Protein backbone atom coordinates (compact mmCIF):
# COMPACT_ATOMS: atom_id res chain seq x y z
CA UNK A 1 0.00 0.00 0.00
CA UNK A 2 1.31 3.44 -0.89
CA UNK A 3 1.61 6.03 1.84
CA UNK A 4 -0.13 9.34 1.26
CA UNK A 5 1.13 12.62 2.58
CA UNK A 6 -1.08 14.57 4.92
CA UNK A 7 -2.60 17.51 2.99
CA UNK A 8 -1.83 19.78 5.93
CA UNK A 9 1.91 19.23 5.42
CA UNK A 10 1.63 20.26 1.76
CA UNK A 11 -0.28 23.38 2.74
CA UNK A 12 2.20 24.29 5.47
CA UNK A 13 5.10 23.92 3.03
CA UNK A 14 3.38 25.94 0.29
CA UNK A 15 2.54 28.77 2.70
CA UNK A 16 6.22 28.94 3.62
CA UNK A 17 7.46 29.07 0.04
CA UNK A 18 8.24 25.41 -0.69
CA UNK A 19 6.25 23.60 -3.36
CA UNK A 20 6.61 19.86 -3.92
CA UNK A 21 4.47 17.74 -6.17
CA UNK A 22 2.18 15.71 -3.90
CA UNK A 23 1.66 12.72 -6.19
CA UNK A 24 4.97 10.94 -5.69
CA UNK A 25 7.64 10.53 -3.04
CA UNK A 26 10.36 12.51 -4.76
CA UNK A 27 11.54 16.11 -4.69
CA UNK A 28 12.40 17.34 -8.16
CA UNK A 29 15.36 19.70 -8.07
CA UNK A 30 16.56 22.12 -10.70
CA UNK A 31 20.28 22.71 -11.27
CA UNK A 32 20.00 26.00 -9.37
CA UNK A 33 18.88 24.30 -6.15
CA UNK A 34 21.38 25.01 -3.42
CA UNK A 35 22.32 23.12 -0.29
CA UNK A 36 20.71 25.99 1.62
CA UNK A 37 17.42 25.36 -0.26
CA UNK A 38 17.49 21.71 0.79
CA UNK A 39 18.34 22.66 4.38
CA UNK A 40 15.45 25.16 4.41
CA UNK A 41 13.04 22.41 3.35
CA UNK A 42 14.37 20.01 5.97
CA UNK A 43 13.97 22.61 8.73
CA UNK A 44 10.50 23.62 7.53
CA UNK A 45 9.36 20.00 7.32
CA UNK A 46 10.55 19.30 10.86
CA UNK A 47 8.78 22.43 12.14
CA UNK A 48 5.58 21.51 10.28
CA UNK A 49 5.55 18.03 11.81
CA UNK A 50 6.17 19.45 15.27
CA UNK A 51 3.29 21.92 14.78
CA UNK A 52 0.93 19.23 13.50
CA UNK A 53 1.81 16.65 16.12
CA UNK A 54 1.87 19.17 18.95
C-alpha atoms as a PDB file:
ATOM      1  CA  UNK A   1       0.000   0.000   0.000  1.00  0.00           C
ATOM      2  CA  UNK A   2       1.310   3.438  -0.892  1.00  0.00           C
ATOM      3  CA  UNK A   3       1.610   6.034   1.842  1.00  0.00           C
ATOM      4  CA  UNK A   4      -0.126   9.339   1.260  1.00  0.00           C
ATOM      5  CA  UNK A   5       1.132  12.623   2.581  1.00  0.00           C
ATOM      6  CA  UNK A   6      -1.077  14.566   4.920  1.00  0.00           C
ATOM      7  CA  UNK A   7      -2.598  17.508   2.985  1.00  0.00           C
ATOM      8  CA  UNK A   8      -1.830  19.779   5.931  1.00  0.00           C
ATOM      9  CA  UNK A   9       1.911  19.226   5.422  1.00  0.00           C
ATOM     10  CA  UNK A  10       1.632  20.257   1.763  1.00  0.00           C
ATOM     11  CA  UNK A  11      -0.283  23.385   2.740  1.00  0.00           C
ATOM     12  CA  UNK A  12       2.203  24.290   5.474  1.00  0.00           C
ATOM     13  CA  UNK A  13       5.098  23.923   3.033  1.00  0.00           C
ATOM     14  CA  UNK A  14       3.383  25.938   0.294  1.00  0.00           C
ATOM     15  CA  UNK A  15       2.540  28.768   2.701  1.00  0.00           C
ATOM     16  CA  UNK A  16       6.223  28.936   3.617  1.00  0.00           C
ATOM     17  CA  UNK A  17       7.461  29.068   0.035  1.00  0.00           C
ATOM     18  CA  UNK A  18       8.235  25.407  -0.693  1.00  0.00           C
ATOM     19  CA  UNK A  19       6.252  23.602  -3.359  1.00  0.00           C
ATOM     20  CA  UNK A  20       6.612  19.858  -3.918  1.00  0.00           C
ATOM     21  CA  UNK A  21       4.470  17.744  -6.171  1.00  0.00           C
ATOM     22  CA  UNK A  22       2.184  15.708  -3.901  1.00  0.00           C
ATOM     23  CA  UNK A  23       1.663  12.720  -6.186  1.00  0.00           C
ATOM     24  CA  UNK A  24       4.966  10.940  -5.687  1.00  0.00           C
ATOM     25  CA  UNK A  25       7.644  10.528  -3.037  1.00  0.00           C
ATOM     26  CA  UNK A  26      10.364  12.511  -4.763  1.00  0.00           C
ATOM     27  CA  UNK A  27      11.543  16.107  -4.689  1.00  0.00           C
ATOM     28  CA  UNK A  28      12.402  17.342  -8.162  1.00  0.00           C
ATOM     29  CA  UNK A  29      15.360  19.699  -8.069  1.00  0.00           C
ATOM     30  CA  UNK A  30      16.562  22.122 -10.696  1.00  0.00           C
ATOM     31  CA  UNK A  31      20.278  22.706 -11.270  1.00  0.00           C
ATOM     32  CA  UNK A  32      20.001  26.005  -9.373  1.00  0.00           C
ATOM     33  CA  UNK A  33      18.876  24.299  -6.150  1.00  0.00           C
ATOM     34  CA  UNK A  34      21.378  25.013  -3.420  1.00  0.00           C
ATOM     35  CA  UNK A  35      22.316  23.121  -0.290  1.00  0.00           C
ATOM     36  CA  UNK A  36      20.707  25.992   1.625  1.00  0.00           C
ATOM     37  CA  UNK A  37      17.425  25.357  -0.258  1.00  0.00           C
ATOM     38  CA  UNK A  38      17.489  21.708   0.789  1.00  0.00           C
ATOM     39  CA  UNK A  39      18.341  22.657   4.378  1.00  0.00           C
ATOM     40  CA  UNK A  40      15.449  25.160   4.409  1.00  0.00           C
ATOM     41  CA  UNK A  41      13.038  22.414   3.353  1.00  0.00           C
ATOM     42  CA  UNK A  42      14.374  20.010   5.972  1.00  0.00           C
ATOM     43  CA  UNK A  43      13.968  22.614   8.729  1.00  0.00           C
ATOM     44  CA  UNK A  44      10.503  23.623   7.530  1.00  0.00           C
ATOM     45  CA  UNK A  45       9.364  20.001   7.315  1.00  0.00           C
ATOM     46  CA  UNK A  46      10.546  19.298  10.859  1.00  0.00           C
ATOM     47  CA  UNK A  47       8.781  22.428  12.138  1.00  0.00           C
ATOM     48  CA  UNK A  48       5.575  21.509  10.284  1.00  0.00           C
ATOM     49  CA  UNK A  49       5.549  18.033  11.812  1.00  0.00           C
ATOM     50  CA  UNK A  50       6.174  19.451  15.272  1.00  0.00           C
ATOM     51  CA  UNK A  51       3.294  21.915  14.782  1.00  0.00           C
ATOM     52  CA  UNK A  52       0.932  19.230  13.500  1.00  0.00           C
ATOM     53  CA  UNK A  53       1.811  16.647  16.118  1.00  0.00           C
ATOM     54  CA  UNK A  54       1.869  19.166  18.952  1.00  0.00           C
END
